[in-house]
N, C-alpha and C. Protein backbone atom coordinates (compact mmCIF):
# COMPACT_ATOMS: atom_id res chain seq x y z
N MET A 1 52.60 22.63 101.36
CA MET A 1 52.16 24.03 101.36
C MET A 1 52.53 24.70 100.05
N ASN A 2 51.59 25.44 99.52
CA ASN A 2 51.82 26.15 98.26
C ASN A 2 52.08 27.63 98.58
N ILE A 3 53.33 27.95 98.92
CA ILE A 3 53.72 29.30 99.29
C ILE A 3 54.11 30.08 98.04
N ILE A 4 53.37 31.13 97.74
CA ILE A 4 53.70 32.00 96.60
C ILE A 4 54.14 33.34 97.17
N CYS A 5 55.40 33.65 97.00
CA CYS A 5 55.97 34.89 97.51
C CYS A 5 56.22 35.85 96.35
N ASN A 6 56.20 37.14 96.62
CA ASN A 6 56.41 38.14 95.57
C ASN A 6 57.89 38.35 95.25
N ASN A 7 58.76 37.61 95.91
CA ASN A 7 60.19 37.69 95.59
C ASN A 7 60.83 36.36 95.97
N CYS A 8 62.16 36.30 96.02
CA CYS A 8 62.85 35.03 96.23
C CYS A 8 62.70 34.50 97.65
N GLY A 9 61.95 35.20 98.50
CA GLY A 9 61.64 34.68 99.82
C GLY A 9 60.91 33.35 99.77
N GLY A 10 60.18 33.09 98.70
CA GLY A 10 59.50 31.80 98.56
C GLY A 10 60.49 30.65 98.50
N ALA A 11 61.54 30.82 97.70
CA ALA A 11 62.58 29.79 97.63
C ALA A 11 63.28 29.64 98.98
N ASP A 12 63.49 30.76 99.66
CA ASP A 12 64.11 30.70 101.00
C ASP A 12 63.24 29.88 101.95
N PHE A 13 61.92 30.07 101.88
CA PHE A 13 61.02 29.32 102.77
C PHE A 13 61.15 27.82 102.53
N TYR A 14 61.11 27.40 101.28
CA TYR A 14 61.19 25.97 101.00
C TYR A 14 62.54 25.40 101.37
N THR A 15 63.61 26.17 101.18
CA THR A 15 64.94 25.71 101.57
C THR A 15 65.02 25.52 103.08
N LEU A 16 64.53 26.50 103.84
CA LEU A 16 64.58 26.42 105.30
C LEU A 16 63.70 25.30 105.84
N SER A 17 62.57 25.05 105.19
CA SER A 17 61.66 24.00 105.67
C SER A 17 61.98 22.63 105.08
N LYS A 18 63.04 22.59 104.23
CA LYS A 18 63.48 21.33 103.62
C LYS A 18 62.36 20.64 102.84
N GLN A 19 61.61 21.45 102.10
CA GLN A 19 60.54 20.93 101.25
C GLN A 19 60.88 21.21 99.79
N PRO A 20 60.43 20.36 98.87
CA PRO A 20 60.61 20.66 97.44
C PRO A 20 59.75 21.85 97.04
N TYR A 21 60.17 22.57 96.03
CA TYR A 21 59.39 23.70 95.53
C TYR A 21 58.02 23.21 95.06
N GLN A 22 56.96 23.92 95.46
CA GLN A 22 55.61 23.50 95.13
C GLN A 22 54.96 24.34 94.04
N ASN A 23 55.67 25.32 93.52
CA ASN A 23 55.15 26.14 92.42
C ASN A 23 56.34 26.72 91.65
N PRO A 24 56.11 27.34 90.52
CA PRO A 24 57.24 27.81 89.69
C PRO A 24 57.76 29.20 90.03
N PHE A 25 57.23 29.84 91.07
CA PHE A 25 57.57 31.23 91.34
C PHE A 25 58.75 31.35 92.30
N MET A 26 59.77 30.52 92.05
CA MET A 26 60.97 30.51 92.87
C MET A 26 62.04 31.40 92.26
N TRP A 27 62.84 32.03 93.11
CA TRP A 27 63.95 32.88 92.64
C TRP A 27 63.45 33.90 91.63
N SER A 28 62.35 34.54 92.00
CA SER A 28 61.72 35.47 91.06
C SER A 28 61.25 36.72 91.79
N VAL A 29 60.79 37.69 90.99
CA VAL A 29 60.14 38.89 91.51
C VAL A 29 58.81 39.07 90.78
N ILE A 30 57.76 39.29 91.56
CA ILE A 30 56.47 39.67 91.01
C ILE A 30 56.15 41.04 91.59
N PHE A 31 56.16 42.05 90.74
CA PHE A 31 55.97 43.43 91.22
C PHE A 31 54.55 43.63 91.77
N ALA A 32 54.38 44.71 92.52
CA ALA A 32 53.15 44.92 93.30
C ALA A 32 51.88 44.78 92.48
N ASP A 33 51.77 45.51 91.39
CA ASP A 33 50.54 45.46 90.59
C ASP A 33 50.27 44.05 90.08
N ASP A 34 51.35 43.33 89.74
CA ASP A 34 51.19 41.99 89.18
C ASP A 34 50.72 40.99 90.22
N ILE A 35 51.28 41.03 91.42
CA ILE A 35 50.85 40.02 92.40
C ILE A 35 49.44 40.33 92.91
N ILE A 36 49.06 41.59 92.90
CA ILE A 36 47.66 41.92 93.22
C ILE A 36 46.73 41.27 92.19
N GLN A 37 47.12 41.34 90.92
CA GLN A 37 46.33 40.70 89.86
C GLN A 37 46.33 39.18 90.03
N LEU A 38 47.47 38.62 90.38
CA LEU A 38 47.56 37.17 90.59
C LEU A 38 46.63 36.72 91.71
N ILE A 39 46.65 37.43 92.82
CA ILE A 39 45.79 37.06 93.96
C ILE A 39 44.31 37.18 93.57
N GLN A 40 43.99 38.28 92.90
CA GLN A 40 42.58 38.54 92.55
C GLN A 40 42.02 37.50 91.59
N HIS A 41 42.85 37.04 90.64
CA HIS A 41 42.34 36.17 89.57
C HIS A 41 42.88 34.75 89.64
N TYR A 42 43.52 34.38 90.73
CA TYR A 42 44.23 33.10 90.83
C TYR A 42 43.41 31.91 90.34
N ASP A 43 42.17 31.81 90.77
CA ASP A 43 41.36 30.63 90.47
C ASP A 43 40.91 30.56 89.01
N ARG A 44 41.09 31.64 88.27
CA ARG A 44 40.64 31.65 86.87
C ARG A 44 41.79 31.71 85.87
N ILE A 45 43.01 31.71 86.35
CA ILE A 45 44.17 31.86 85.46
C ILE A 45 44.51 30.54 84.79
N ASN A 46 44.78 30.60 83.49
CA ASN A 46 45.34 29.46 82.76
C ASN A 46 46.86 29.56 82.85
N PHE A 47 47.45 28.82 83.77
CA PHE A 47 48.88 28.94 84.02
C PHE A 47 49.74 28.35 82.91
N HIS A 48 49.12 27.65 81.98
CA HIS A 48 49.87 27.11 80.84
C HIS A 48 50.00 28.13 79.70
N ASN A 49 49.26 29.22 79.78
CA ASN A 49 49.30 30.25 78.73
C ASN A 49 50.37 31.28 79.10
N THR A 50 51.55 31.16 78.49
CA THR A 50 52.70 32.00 78.88
C THR A 50 53.34 32.67 77.67
N GLU A 51 53.98 33.79 77.96
CA GLU A 51 54.72 34.52 76.93
C GLU A 51 56.01 35.05 77.55
N LEU A 52 57.14 34.80 76.88
CA LEU A 52 58.43 35.29 77.37
C LEU A 52 58.53 36.80 77.21
N VAL A 53 59.05 37.48 78.22
CA VAL A 53 59.25 38.92 78.18
C VAL A 53 60.59 39.26 78.83
N ARG A 54 61.12 40.43 78.50
CA ARG A 54 62.35 40.91 79.11
C ARG A 54 62.03 41.92 80.21
N LEU A 55 62.93 42.02 81.17
CA LEU A 55 62.83 43.07 82.19
C LEU A 55 63.10 44.40 81.51
N SER A 56 62.11 45.27 81.48
CA SER A 56 62.18 46.49 80.69
C SER A 56 63.00 47.59 81.37
N LYS A 57 63.47 48.52 80.56
CA LYS A 57 64.20 49.67 81.08
C LYS A 57 63.32 50.49 82.04
N GLU A 58 62.05 50.63 81.69
CA GLU A 58 61.11 51.39 82.53
C GLU A 58 60.98 50.76 83.91
N THR A 59 60.87 49.43 83.95
CA THR A 59 60.75 48.74 85.23
C THR A 59 62.01 48.90 86.05
N VAL A 60 63.15 48.81 85.40
CA VAL A 60 64.44 48.97 86.08
C VAL A 60 64.55 50.36 86.70
N GLU A 61 64.19 51.38 85.92
CA GLU A 61 64.29 52.76 86.41
C GLU A 61 63.32 53.03 87.55
N LYS A 62 62.12 52.44 87.49
CA LYS A 62 61.14 52.63 88.56
C LYS A 62 61.59 52.00 89.86
N SER A 63 62.25 50.87 89.76
CA SER A 63 62.63 50.13 90.97
C SER A 63 63.74 50.83 91.74
N ASN A 64 64.60 51.57 91.02
CA ASN A 64 65.75 52.22 91.65
C ASN A 64 66.61 51.21 92.42
N TYR A 65 66.70 50.00 91.86
CA TYR A 65 67.40 48.92 92.54
C TYR A 65 68.19 48.07 91.56
N TYR A 66 67.52 47.61 90.51
CA TYR A 66 68.19 46.75 89.54
C TYR A 66 69.10 47.56 88.65
N ASP A 67 70.18 46.94 88.24
CA ASP A 67 71.18 47.57 87.39
C ASP A 67 70.69 47.51 85.94
N TYR A 68 70.60 48.68 85.29
CA TYR A 68 70.10 48.72 83.91
C TYR A 68 70.95 47.86 82.98
N ASP A 69 72.26 47.83 83.20
CA ASP A 69 73.15 47.03 82.35
C ASP A 69 72.84 45.54 82.46
N GLU A 70 72.19 45.15 83.55
CA GLU A 70 71.86 43.74 83.74
C GLU A 70 70.49 43.37 83.19
N CYS A 71 69.66 44.37 82.87
CA CYS A 71 68.25 44.07 82.60
C CYS A 71 68.06 43.18 81.38
N ASN A 72 68.92 43.29 80.36
CA ASN A 72 68.79 42.45 79.18
C ASN A 72 69.17 41.01 79.45
N LYS A 73 69.76 40.75 80.61
CA LYS A 73 70.13 39.38 80.97
C LYS A 73 69.02 38.69 81.76
N ILE A 74 67.97 39.45 82.09
CA ILE A 74 66.88 38.93 82.91
C ILE A 74 65.59 38.92 82.10
N CYS A 75 64.87 37.83 82.17
CA CYS A 75 63.58 37.78 81.48
C CYS A 75 62.55 37.12 82.39
N GLY A 76 61.33 37.10 81.91
CA GLY A 76 60.26 36.54 82.71
C GLY A 76 59.16 35.99 81.83
N LEU A 77 58.04 35.70 82.46
CA LEU A 77 56.88 35.17 81.76
C LEU A 77 55.64 35.97 82.12
N THR A 78 54.89 36.37 81.11
CA THR A 78 53.56 36.90 81.34
C THR A 78 52.58 35.74 81.27
N ILE A 79 51.80 35.58 82.34
CA ILE A 79 50.93 34.41 82.48
C ILE A 79 49.49 34.81 82.16
N ASP A 80 48.97 34.22 81.10
CA ASP A 80 47.56 34.37 80.71
C ASP A 80 47.15 35.85 80.58
N ASN A 81 48.11 36.69 80.23
CA ASN A 81 47.87 38.14 80.10
C ASN A 81 47.33 38.77 81.37
N VAL A 82 47.62 38.16 82.53
CA VAL A 82 47.12 38.67 83.81
C VAL A 82 48.24 39.29 84.63
N PHE A 83 49.38 38.62 84.71
CA PHE A 83 50.49 39.12 85.52
C PHE A 83 51.81 38.64 84.92
N THR A 84 52.89 39.28 85.36
CA THR A 84 54.23 38.93 84.89
C THR A 84 55.12 38.59 86.07
N VAL A 85 55.90 37.54 85.91
CA VAL A 85 56.90 37.15 86.90
C VAL A 85 58.27 37.21 86.25
N TYR A 86 59.22 37.86 86.92
CA TYR A 86 60.59 37.98 86.40
C TYR A 86 61.51 37.05 87.19
N PHE A 87 62.25 36.23 86.46
CA PHE A 87 63.17 35.27 87.10
C PHE A 87 64.55 35.92 87.20
N THR A 88 64.69 36.73 88.24
CA THR A 88 65.86 37.60 88.37
C THR A 88 67.14 36.86 88.74
N HIS A 89 67.02 35.60 89.13
CA HIS A 89 68.22 34.83 89.48
C HIS A 89 68.63 33.87 88.37
N TYR A 90 67.91 33.89 87.25
CA TYR A 90 68.29 33.08 86.08
C TYR A 90 68.86 34.04 85.04
N ILE A 91 70.16 33.98 84.84
CA ILE A 91 70.89 35.01 84.09
C ILE A 91 71.35 34.49 82.73
N PHE A 92 71.01 35.24 81.68
CA PHE A 92 71.56 34.91 80.36
C PHE A 92 73.05 35.20 80.36
N ASP A 93 73.83 34.19 80.04
CA ASP A 93 75.29 34.35 80.05
C ASP A 93 75.89 33.44 78.98
N PRO A 94 76.35 34.02 77.87
CA PRO A 94 76.87 33.20 76.76
C PRO A 94 78.12 32.41 77.12
N ALA A 95 78.75 32.70 78.25
CA ALA A 95 79.97 31.99 78.65
C ALA A 95 79.68 30.59 79.19
N TYR A 96 78.40 30.31 79.51
CA TYR A 96 78.07 29.03 80.15
C TYR A 96 77.17 28.20 79.24
N LYS A 97 77.69 27.04 78.83
CA LYS A 97 76.97 26.15 77.91
C LYS A 97 76.09 25.14 78.64
N THR A 98 76.22 25.07 79.94
CA THR A 98 75.33 24.28 80.79
C THR A 98 74.88 25.18 81.94
N PRO A 99 73.70 24.93 82.52
CA PRO A 99 73.26 25.75 83.66
C PRO A 99 74.27 25.66 84.80
N THR A 100 74.79 26.80 85.22
CA THR A 100 75.85 26.85 86.23
C THR A 100 75.44 27.79 87.35
N LYS A 101 75.39 27.26 88.58
CA LYS A 101 75.00 28.07 89.72
C LYS A 101 76.20 28.81 90.27
N ILE A 102 76.07 30.13 90.38
CA ILE A 102 77.10 30.99 90.98
C ILE A 102 76.39 31.82 92.05
N GLY A 103 76.68 31.51 93.32
CA GLY A 103 75.93 32.15 94.39
C GLY A 103 74.46 31.78 94.26
N PRO A 104 73.55 32.75 94.34
CA PRO A 104 72.12 32.44 94.21
C PRO A 104 71.64 32.39 92.77
N ASN A 105 72.52 32.67 91.81
CA ASN A 105 72.12 32.80 90.41
C ASN A 105 72.51 31.58 89.58
N VAL A 106 71.71 31.33 88.53
CA VAL A 106 72.03 30.31 87.54
C VAL A 106 72.38 31.02 86.24
N HIS A 107 73.58 30.78 85.72
CA HIS A 107 74.05 31.37 84.47
C HIS A 107 73.97 30.32 83.36
N TYR A 108 73.43 30.75 82.21
CA TYR A 108 73.25 29.79 81.11
C TYR A 108 73.01 30.55 79.82
N TYR A 109 73.57 30.04 78.71
CA TYR A 109 73.40 30.75 77.44
C TYR A 109 72.03 30.48 76.81
N ARG A 110 71.37 29.42 77.23
CA ARG A 110 70.02 29.13 76.74
C ARG A 110 69.02 29.40 77.88
N ASN A 111 69.12 30.60 78.39
CA ASN A 111 68.37 30.98 79.59
C ASN A 111 66.86 30.89 79.39
N PHE A 112 66.38 31.31 78.21
CA PHE A 112 64.94 31.30 77.95
C PHE A 112 64.39 29.87 78.04
N GLU A 113 65.10 28.94 77.42
CA GLU A 113 64.65 27.55 77.45
C GLU A 113 64.69 26.99 78.87
N TYR A 114 65.69 27.38 79.62
CA TYR A 114 65.84 26.90 80.99
C TYR A 114 64.68 27.38 81.85
N ILE A 115 64.33 28.66 81.73
CA ILE A 115 63.22 29.23 82.49
C ILE A 115 61.92 28.50 82.15
N CYS A 116 61.67 28.31 80.86
CA CYS A 116 60.42 27.65 80.45
C CYS A 116 60.37 26.21 80.94
N SER A 117 61.50 25.52 80.89
CA SER A 117 61.56 24.13 81.35
C SER A 117 61.25 24.04 82.85
N LYS A 118 61.89 24.90 83.65
CA LYS A 118 61.64 24.90 85.09
C LYS A 118 60.20 25.29 85.40
N TYR A 119 59.71 26.28 84.68
CA TYR A 119 58.32 26.71 84.91
C TYR A 119 57.35 25.58 84.61
N ASP A 120 57.50 24.93 83.46
CA ASP A 120 56.57 23.87 83.07
C ASP A 120 56.59 22.71 84.07
N GLU A 121 57.78 22.35 84.52
CA GLU A 121 57.91 21.26 85.48
C GLU A 121 57.20 21.59 86.80
N ARG A 122 57.41 22.80 87.28
CA ARG A 122 56.87 23.16 88.60
C ARG A 122 55.40 23.54 88.55
N ILE A 123 54.94 24.11 87.43
CA ILE A 123 53.52 24.45 87.35
C ILE A 123 52.69 23.17 87.28
N GLN A 124 53.23 22.15 86.65
CA GLN A 124 52.52 20.86 86.60
C GLN A 124 52.40 20.28 88.00
N ARG A 125 53.46 20.41 88.80
CA ARG A 125 53.43 19.93 90.18
C ARG A 125 52.37 20.69 90.99
N MET A 126 52.33 22.02 90.81
CA MET A 126 51.36 22.84 91.53
C MET A 126 49.93 22.45 91.17
N ILE A 127 49.67 22.26 89.89
CA ILE A 127 48.32 21.93 89.43
C ILE A 127 47.91 20.54 89.90
N GLU A 128 48.83 19.58 89.85
CA GLU A 128 48.51 18.22 90.27
C GLU A 128 48.23 18.15 91.77
N LYS A 129 49.00 18.86 92.58
CA LYS A 129 48.79 18.85 94.02
C LYS A 129 47.53 19.62 94.41
N ASN A 130 47.26 20.69 93.67
CA ASN A 130 46.03 21.46 93.87
C ASN A 130 45.85 21.94 95.31
N GLU A 131 46.93 22.40 95.91
CA GLU A 131 46.86 22.94 97.26
C GLU A 131 46.50 24.42 97.20
N PRO A 132 45.68 24.92 98.12
CA PRO A 132 45.36 26.36 98.10
C PRO A 132 46.62 27.18 98.33
N PRO A 133 46.76 28.29 97.62
CA PRO A 133 47.97 29.11 97.78
C PRO A 133 47.96 29.89 99.09
N ILE A 134 49.13 30.12 99.62
CA ILE A 134 49.33 31.08 100.70
C ILE A 134 50.26 32.14 100.14
N PHE A 135 49.76 33.36 100.00
CA PHE A 135 50.55 34.44 99.41
C PHE A 135 51.33 35.16 100.52
N VAL A 136 52.64 35.25 100.32
CA VAL A 136 53.51 35.96 101.26
C VAL A 136 54.06 37.17 100.54
N ILE A 137 53.70 38.35 101.03
CA ILE A 137 54.12 39.62 100.41
C ILE A 137 55.13 40.30 101.33
N ILE A 138 56.37 40.41 100.87
CA ILE A 138 57.36 41.23 101.56
C ILE A 138 57.40 42.54 100.78
N ALA A 139 56.81 43.58 101.36
CA ALA A 139 56.46 44.79 100.59
C ALA A 139 57.63 45.76 100.48
N PHE A 140 58.67 45.33 99.77
CA PHE A 140 59.80 46.21 99.50
C PHE A 140 59.38 47.33 98.54
N LYS A 141 59.89 48.52 98.79
CA LYS A 141 59.62 49.66 97.90
C LYS A 141 60.13 49.37 96.48
N ARG A 142 61.26 48.68 96.37
CA ARG A 142 61.86 48.42 95.06
C ARG A 142 60.99 47.50 94.19
N HIS A 143 60.04 46.83 94.81
CA HIS A 143 59.14 45.96 94.06
C HIS A 143 57.78 46.61 93.84
N GLY A 144 57.74 47.94 93.99
CA GLY A 144 56.56 48.71 93.62
C GLY A 144 55.58 48.97 94.74
N TRP A 145 55.96 48.68 95.99
CA TRP A 145 55.01 48.84 97.10
C TRP A 145 55.06 50.23 97.70
N ASN A 146 53.90 50.79 97.92
CA ASN A 146 53.73 52.06 98.63
C ASN A 146 52.38 52.00 99.35
N LYS A 147 51.98 53.08 99.98
CA LYS A 147 50.74 53.07 100.76
C LYS A 147 49.53 52.75 99.88
N ASP A 148 49.49 53.32 98.69
CA ASP A 148 48.34 53.08 97.81
C ASP A 148 48.23 51.61 97.41
N LYS A 149 49.39 51.00 97.10
CA LYS A 149 49.38 49.59 96.70
C LYS A 149 49.00 48.68 97.88
N ILE A 150 49.46 49.05 99.07
CA ILE A 150 49.10 48.28 100.27
C ILE A 150 47.58 48.31 100.47
N HIS A 151 47.00 49.49 100.37
CA HIS A 151 45.54 49.61 100.56
C HIS A 151 44.78 48.88 99.45
N LYS A 152 45.31 48.91 98.24
CA LYS A 152 44.67 48.18 97.13
C LYS A 152 44.68 46.67 97.42
N LEU A 153 45.81 46.19 97.94
CA LEU A 153 45.90 44.78 98.31
C LEU A 153 44.87 44.42 99.38
N LEU A 154 44.77 45.27 100.40
CA LEU A 154 43.88 44.97 101.52
C LEU A 154 42.40 45.04 101.13
N GLU A 155 42.11 45.70 100.03
CA GLU A 155 40.73 45.79 99.56
C GLU A 155 40.30 44.59 98.71
N LEU A 156 41.24 43.71 98.39
CA LEU A 156 40.91 42.57 97.54
C LEU A 156 39.88 41.67 98.22
N ASN A 157 38.99 41.15 97.40
CA ASN A 157 38.02 40.16 97.86
C ASN A 157 38.54 38.79 97.43
N THR A 158 39.26 38.13 98.33
CA THR A 158 39.84 36.83 98.01
C THR A 158 39.64 35.88 99.18
N LYS A 159 39.50 34.62 98.87
CA LYS A 159 39.36 33.60 99.92
C LYS A 159 40.72 33.07 100.36
N HIS A 160 41.77 33.44 99.62
CA HIS A 160 43.08 32.86 99.88
C HIS A 160 43.81 33.59 101.01
N LYS A 161 44.67 32.86 101.69
CA LYS A 161 45.46 33.42 102.78
C LYS A 161 46.51 34.38 102.22
N VAL A 162 46.61 35.56 102.83
CA VAL A 162 47.61 36.57 102.45
C VAL A 162 48.36 36.98 103.70
N ILE A 163 49.68 36.83 103.67
CA ILE A 163 50.55 37.27 104.76
C ILE A 163 51.33 38.47 104.24
N LEU A 164 51.13 39.61 104.84
CA LEU A 164 51.76 40.86 104.39
C LEU A 164 52.77 41.34 105.42
N ILE A 165 54.02 41.48 104.99
CA ILE A 165 55.08 42.05 105.83
C ILE A 165 55.36 43.45 105.29
N THR A 166 55.12 44.47 106.10
CA THR A 166 55.17 45.84 105.61
C THR A 166 55.65 46.81 106.68
N ASN A 167 56.19 47.94 106.25
CA ASN A 167 56.53 49.01 107.20
C ASN A 167 55.48 50.12 107.16
N VAL A 168 54.35 49.84 106.53
CA VAL A 168 53.21 50.77 106.49
C VAL A 168 52.21 50.34 107.57
N ALA A 169 51.88 51.26 108.45
CA ALA A 169 50.90 50.96 109.50
C ALA A 169 49.53 50.76 108.86
N CYS A 170 48.96 49.58 109.01
CA CYS A 170 47.66 49.30 108.40
C CYS A 170 47.02 48.13 109.16
N SER A 171 45.77 47.87 108.85
CA SER A 171 45.06 46.79 109.51
C SER A 171 44.00 46.24 108.56
N SER A 172 43.51 45.06 108.88
CA SER A 172 42.45 44.45 108.09
C SER A 172 41.58 43.61 109.01
N VAL A 173 40.27 43.63 108.77
CA VAL A 173 39.35 42.81 109.56
C VAL A 173 39.13 41.45 108.90
N LYS A 174 39.73 41.24 107.74
CA LYS A 174 39.53 39.98 107.03
C LYS A 174 40.34 38.87 107.71
N PRO A 175 39.70 37.76 108.05
CA PRO A 175 40.40 36.71 108.80
C PRO A 175 41.51 36.02 108.02
N ASN A 176 41.48 36.11 106.68
CA ASN A 176 42.52 35.45 105.89
C ASN A 176 43.71 36.36 105.60
N PHE A 177 43.71 37.59 106.15
CA PHE A 177 44.85 38.50 106.00
C PHE A 177 45.61 38.57 107.33
N ASP A 178 46.90 38.24 107.28
CA ASP A 178 47.78 38.34 108.44
C ASP A 178 48.79 39.45 108.16
N ILE A 179 48.68 40.56 108.88
CA ILE A 179 49.54 41.71 108.63
C ILE A 179 50.64 41.76 109.69
N ILE A 180 51.88 41.78 109.21
CA ILE A 180 53.04 41.85 110.10
C ILE A 180 53.72 43.19 109.88
N TYR A 181 53.70 44.03 110.89
CA TYR A 181 54.35 45.34 110.78
C TYR A 181 55.81 45.21 111.19
N ASP A 182 56.71 45.69 110.32
CA ASP A 182 58.14 45.67 110.60
C ASP A 182 58.74 47.00 110.17
N ALA A 183 59.06 47.84 111.13
CA ALA A 183 59.58 49.17 110.84
C ALA A 183 60.94 49.12 110.16
N GLY A 184 61.64 48.01 110.29
CA GLY A 184 62.99 47.90 109.71
C GLY A 184 63.01 47.60 108.22
N LEU A 185 61.86 47.25 107.66
CA LEU A 185 61.80 46.91 106.24
C LEU A 185 62.24 48.10 105.39
N ASP A 186 63.12 47.84 104.42
CA ASP A 186 63.61 48.85 103.48
C ASP A 186 64.57 49.86 104.10
N LYS A 187 65.02 49.64 105.32
CA LYS A 187 65.99 50.57 105.91
C LYS A 187 67.36 50.41 105.26
N ILE A 188 67.61 49.21 104.74
CA ILE A 188 68.86 48.92 104.05
C ILE A 188 68.56 48.77 102.57
N HIS A 189 69.39 49.38 101.71
CA HIS A 189 69.12 49.35 100.27
C HIS A 189 69.02 47.92 99.75
N ARG A 190 69.95 47.08 100.13
CA ARG A 190 69.96 45.69 99.67
C ARG A 190 69.34 44.76 100.72
N ASP A 191 68.24 45.19 101.27
CA ASP A 191 67.50 44.39 102.24
C ASP A 191 67.10 43.06 101.58
N LEU A 192 67.33 41.93 102.27
CA LEU A 192 67.12 40.62 101.67
C LEU A 192 65.84 39.95 102.18
N PRO A 193 65.11 39.29 101.30
CA PRO A 193 63.89 38.59 101.72
C PRO A 193 64.14 37.55 102.81
N ILE A 194 65.26 36.85 102.75
CA ILE A 194 65.50 35.76 103.70
C ILE A 194 65.50 36.26 105.15
N THR A 195 65.89 37.53 105.36
CA THR A 195 65.86 38.11 106.70
C THR A 195 64.47 37.99 107.31
N TYR A 196 63.44 38.26 106.51
CA TYR A 196 62.06 38.29 107.00
C TYR A 196 61.43 36.90 106.99
N ILE A 197 61.86 36.05 106.05
CA ILE A 197 61.38 34.67 106.05
C ILE A 197 61.85 33.96 107.32
N LYS A 198 63.10 34.17 107.69
CA LYS A 198 63.62 33.58 108.93
C LYS A 198 62.92 34.16 110.16
N LYS A 199 62.75 35.48 110.15
CA LYS A 199 62.20 36.17 111.31
C LYS A 199 60.76 35.76 111.59
N TYR A 200 59.97 35.56 110.51
CA TYR A 200 58.55 35.29 110.68
C TYR A 200 58.17 33.89 110.16
N PHE A 201 59.14 33.00 110.18
CA PHE A 201 58.94 31.64 109.65
C PHE A 201 57.71 30.98 110.28
N GLY A 202 57.55 31.13 111.59
CA GLY A 202 56.45 30.50 112.30
C GLY A 202 55.07 31.05 111.94
N ARG A 203 55.02 32.23 111.35
CA ARG A 203 53.73 32.84 110.95
C ARG A 203 53.28 32.36 109.57
N ILE A 204 54.18 31.73 108.83
CA ILE A 204 53.85 31.33 107.46
C ILE A 204 53.27 29.92 107.50
N LYS A 205 51.95 29.87 107.57
CA LYS A 205 51.27 28.57 107.67
C LYS A 205 49.80 28.77 107.34
């Protein structure tokens, strides 16, 4: 299964299902506007066309979640000038000369190279397997989701499966959209993706 999640819930899914990662979007965040672009243009994207970027101050301030002092330690990739993915669990840290896992994070002084290496390895796996994506959206406010973005997502014309977990009451007549309403989403500031991956594990298929 090629599960593409808008946050680290994707990695949680593969860990719980005891499967190897099937794409490079693990331990990452793809903000609302970006994952909408990814879903809309998925079949036309050149995933080998990448550019390194940093998590910007503007993005940090909009999210009201990430620590500004940490933003220079986090970077991501803009893919084919279509969308950006931030690898928020891969941390630039000059104290570590080899990739070192601390909790859910990997600390390394050559963080940019590490991100590109992992991305290249996993994107090749995704392309070779050529499995249709299943997009899992956990619509946290801190990742740019609001009513307007939810409606924009639901208006997309896509053949791909989209599973949306949201606290916004909404519906869709499209058979490839599975909407899961959860009033508890975002009630806790540090609400974790794994909570919802575990809760709705059986719906992700």
